[in-house]
Amino acid sequence: MRILSNTTSPYARIARIALAEKGFDLSGTRMLNPWADDAEMLGLNPASRVPTIITDAGLPITESLLILLWLERKVPEPSLLDGPLDRIVSQAGRAMGVIDAMVAIMIGVLQMDPHWGETRVGLRRRRSIVTGLRALDADPPGHAGGVPDIAVLTTVVALDYLRLRFPDAHWVEPLPALDALRAKVGDRPAYAATRPYL
């Protein structure tokens, strides 16, 4: 198995953490710029998005949440869904909404207009980030040890992406409960080895 990824994508990081927690070897990870129209990437995934996994049979598996679904069926233990399922999926969905909003702003700023984040749509995405993180901080995913579930995984990925892409943004509120959650799992090998960087 090989993984096409990059150093900043929260979607790719979600998949890489999940793969590592399930015991997969990540040494076959190839970092690339999905905006560069890489020939291998386009041949496997015409959307040219990371993560893209190439199975040993040569099949591409794409989209982070589909990769998580595939992983849960392929390697049921340790499960990333152990615990109160409705709550886990609800909190993971909230974190994914925050991630989607942050990525939308970054694509707008980096690919269209440096001031895109101040447009009507950009400000709506910012509101999604602030209200989503505020709700997660008020009621954070629980982690008592062991393999973190997908709510913890997506929340920590969202927080790290926020810190990477919006380090000095005036609209970012203190998130003490989420910082405490990150401190609990941030040194796990799967999380430490996949920290985003520019």
Protein backbone atom coordinates (compact mmCIF):
# COMPACT_ATOMS: atom_id res chain seq x y z
CA MET A 1 0.00 0.00 0.00
CA ARG A 2 1.13 3.53 -0.78
CA ILE A 3 -0.29 6.89 0.29
CA LEU A 4 -0.30 10.14 -1.65
CA SER A 5 -0.47 12.99 0.83
CA ASN A 6 0.89 16.42 1.62
CA THR A 7 2.22 18.17 4.68
CA THR A 8 -0.72 20.47 5.40
CA SER A 9 -3.97 18.75 4.35
CA PRO A 10 -6.18 17.97 7.35
CA TYR A 11 -8.03 15.38 5.25
CA ALA A 12 -4.80 13.56 4.46
CA ARG A 13 -3.76 13.76 8.10
CA ILE A 14 -7.03 12.19 9.25
CA ALA A 15 -6.38 9.22 6.97
CA ARG A 16 -2.71 8.93 7.94
CA ILE A 17 -3.49 8.98 11.67
CA ALA A 18 -6.22 6.37 11.23
CA LEU A 19 -3.93 4.14 9.17
CA ALA A 20 -1.14 4.42 11.73
CA GLU A 21 -3.49 3.69 14.64
CA LYS A 22 -4.66 0.59 12.77
CA GLY A 23 -1.07 -0.58 12.42
CA PHE A 24 -0.35 0.26 8.79
CA ASP A 25 3.17 1.18 7.74
CA LEU A 26 3.25 4.79 6.54
CA SER A 27 6.77 4.63 5.11
CA GLY A 28 5.32 4.44 1.59
CA THR A 29 3.81 7.91 1.93
CA ARG A 30 4.62 10.25 -0.94
CA MET A 31 4.25 13.96 -0.22
CA LEU A 32 3.14 16.07 -3.15
CA ASN A 33 1.41 19.28 -4.09
CA PRO A 34 -2.10 18.34 -5.25
CA TRP A 35 -2.37 21.70 -7.05
CA ALA A 36 0.58 20.81 -9.30
CA ASP A 37 -1.35 18.33 -11.47
CA ASP A 38 0.98 15.48 -10.57
CA ALA A 39 0.72 12.81 -13.29
CA GLU A 40 0.51 9.87 -10.88
CA MET A 41 -2.14 11.61 -8.79
CA LEU A 42 -4.26 12.53 -11.81
CA GLY A 43 -4.05 8.96 -13.10
CA LEU A 44 -5.34 7.59 -9.81
CA ASN A 45 -7.64 10.38 -8.67
CA PRO A 46 -8.89 12.80 -11.34
CA ALA A 47 -10.04 15.17 -8.56
CA SER A 48 -6.31 15.46 -7.66
CA ARG A 49 -7.02 15.43 -3.93
CA VAL A 50 -5.16 14.00 -1.01
CA PRO A 51 -5.38 11.57 0.59
CA THR A 52 -5.24 8.95 -2.10
CA ILE A 53 -4.31 5.42 -1.06
CA ILE A 54 -3.10 2.88 -3.58
CA THR A 55 -3.88 -0.64 -2.40
CA ASP A 56 -1.53 -3.56 -3.03
CA ALA A 57 -3.87 -4.49 -5.90
CA GLY A 58 -3.39 -1.03 -7.42
CA LEU A 59 -6.84 0.31 -6.58
CA PRO A 60 -7.12 3.95 -5.50
CA ILE A 61 -9.07 4.62 -2.29
CA THR A 62 -9.93 8.31 -1.91
CA GLU A 63 -11.73 10.77 0.39
CA SER A 64 -10.79 10.74 4.07
CA LEU A 65 -14.14 9.65 5.49
CA LEU A 66 -14.47 6.83 2.94
CA ILE A 67 -10.95 5.76 3.87
CA LEU A 68 -12.04 5.63 7.53
CA LEU A 69 -15.06 3.52 6.57
CA TRP A 70 -12.85 1.20 4.50
CA LEU A 71 -10.38 0.93 7.39
CA GLU A 72 -13.06 0.05 9.95
CA ARG A 73 -14.18 -2.84 7.72
CA LYS A 74 -10.68 -3.88 6.68
CA VAL A 75 -9.16 -3.77 10.19
CA PRO A 76 -11.98 -3.77 12.76
CA GLU A 77 -9.63 -3.67 15.78
CA PRO A 78 -8.73 -1.34 17.23
CA SER A 79 -11.96 0.39 16.35
CA LEU A 80 -12.09 4.14 15.89
CA LEU A 81 -15.79 4.02 16.78
CA ASP A 82 -15.62 2.42 20.22
CA GLY A 83 -17.93 4.20 22.64
CA PRO A 84 -21.26 6.00 22.32
CA LEU A 85 -21.61 5.88 18.52
CA ASP A 86 -24.13 8.69 18.07
CA ARG A 87 -22.06 11.09 20.16
CA ILE A 88 -18.79 10.12 18.48
CA VAL A 89 -20.19 10.58 14.98
CA SER A 90 -21.95 13.82 15.94
CA GLN A 91 -18.78 15.36 17.35
CA ALA A 92 -16.68 14.11 14.43
CA GLY A 93 -19.19 15.72 12.07
CA ARG A 94 -18.90 19.01 13.91
CA ALA A 95 -15.09 18.85 13.66
CA MET A 96 -15.30 18.00 9.95
CA GLY A 97 -17.51 21.05 9.41
CA VAL A 98 -14.83 23.19 11.04
CA ILE A 99 -12.15 21.59 8.86
CA ASP A 100 -14.22 22.12 5.70
CA ALA A 101 -14.73 25.80 6.56
CA MET A 102 -11.01 26.36 7.23
CA VAL A 103 -10.01 24.62 4.00
CA ALA A 104 -12.56 26.67 2.04
CA ILE A 105 -11.00 29.87 3.37
CA MET A 106 -7.48 28.69 2.58
CA ILE A 107 -8.41 27.68 -0.98
CA GLY A 108 -10.10 31.05 -1.50
CA VAL A 109 -7.13 32.96 -0.11
CA LEU A 110 -4.39 30.93 -1.80
CA GLN A 111 -6.05 30.29 -5.17
CA MET A 112 -8.34 33.27 -5.77
CA ASP A 113 -7.87 36.40 -3.67
CA PRO A 114 -5.74 37.10 -0.58
CA HIS A 115 -8.77 38.89 0.90
CA TRP A 116 -11.25 36.10 0.15
CA GLY A 117 -11.62 35.39 3.87
CA GLU A 118 -13.21 38.83 4.27
CA THR A 119 -15.85 38.25 1.58
CA ARG A 120 -19.44 37.42 2.47
CA VAL A 121 -18.81 33.71 1.93
CA GLY A 122 -15.46 33.84 3.70
CA LEU A 123 -17.05 35.45 6.75
CA ARG A 124 -19.73 32.76 6.81
CA ARG A 125 -17.00 30.11 6.80
CA ARG A 126 -15.25 31.96 9.63
CA ARG A 127 -18.49 31.91 11.61
CA SER A 128 -18.68 28.13 11.04
CA ILE A 129 -15.17 27.75 12.42
CA VAL A 130 -15.77 29.89 15.50
CA THR A 131 -19.16 28.42 16.42
CA GLY A 132 -18.05 24.85 15.69
CA LEU A 133 -14.93 25.13 17.82
CA ARG A 134 -16.84 26.93 20.56
CA ALA A 135 -19.33 24.03 20.72
CA LEU A 136 -16.56 21.42 20.72
CA ASP A 137 -14.68 23.26 23.46
CA ALA A 138 -17.84 23.46 25.59
CA ASP A 139 -18.45 19.71 25.16
CA PRO A 140 -15.18 18.12 23.99
CA PRO A 141 -14.80 14.53 22.88
CA GLY A 142 -13.74 12.30 25.74
CA HIS A 143 -10.54 10.31 25.83
CA ALA A 144 -9.71 8.05 28.74
CA GLY A 145 -6.80 6.26 27.09
CA GLY A 146 -6.24 3.77 24.33
CA VAL A 147 -6.79 4.46 20.66
CA PRO A 148 -8.62 7.78 20.23
CA ASP A 149 -11.95 7.57 18.43
CA ILE A 150 -12.77 9.54 15.28
CA ALA A 151 -14.28 12.41 17.28
CA VAL A 152 -10.98 12.92 19.08
CA LEU A 153 -9.02 12.37 15.87
CA THR A 154 -10.95 14.91 13.77
CA THR A 155 -11.11 17.45 16.61
CA VAL A 156 -7.35 17.38 17.20
CA VAL A 157 -6.70 17.58 13.45
CA ALA A 158 -9.02 20.60 13.26
CA LEU A 159 -7.26 22.30 16.18
CA ASP A 160 -3.79 21.69 14.73
CA TYR A 161 -4.90 22.98 11.33
CA LEU A 162 -6.32 26.10 12.98
CA ARG A 163 -3.00 26.70 14.74
CA LEU A 164 -1.09 26.17 11.46
CA ARG A 165 -3.21 28.30 9.15
CA PHE A 166 -4.69 30.95 11.44
CA PRO A 167 -2.06 31.42 14.18
CA ASP A 168 -2.64 35.14 14.70
CA ALA A 169 -6.25 35.52 13.60
CA HIS A 170 -8.06 37.98 15.87
CA TRP A 171 -11.27 35.94 15.69
CA VAL A 172 -9.79 32.74 17.16
CA GLU A 173 -11.09 32.27 20.70
CA PRO A 174 -9.29 30.50 23.56
CA LEU A 175 -9.97 26.76 23.42
CA PRO A 176 -8.72 25.40 26.75
CA ALA A 177 -10.68 22.13 26.70
CA LEU A 178 -9.52 21.33 23.16
CA ASP A 179 -5.94 22.24 24.01
CA ALA A 180 -6.17 19.82 26.97
CA LEU A 181 -7.55 17.09 24.69
CA ARG A 182 -4.73 17.67 22.24
CA ALA A 183 -2.20 17.43 25.06
CA LYS A 184 -3.57 13.99 25.95
CA VAL A 185 -3.08 12.51 22.48
CA GLY A 186 -0.61 14.80 20.70
CA ASP A 187 2.43 12.70 21.58
CA ARG A 188 0.95 9.45 20.30
CA PRO A 189 3.17 8.33 17.40
CA ALA A 190 0.35 8.57 14.85
CA TYR A 191 -0.33 12.17 15.82
CA ALA A 192 3.25 13.31 16.36
CA ALA A 193 4.50 11.87 13.05
CA THR A 194 1.75 13.57 11.05
CA ARG A 195 1.81 17.09 12.53
CA PRO A 196 1.16 19.56 9.74
CA TYR A 197 3.84 21.95 8.59
CA LEU A 198 4.33 24.47 5.80
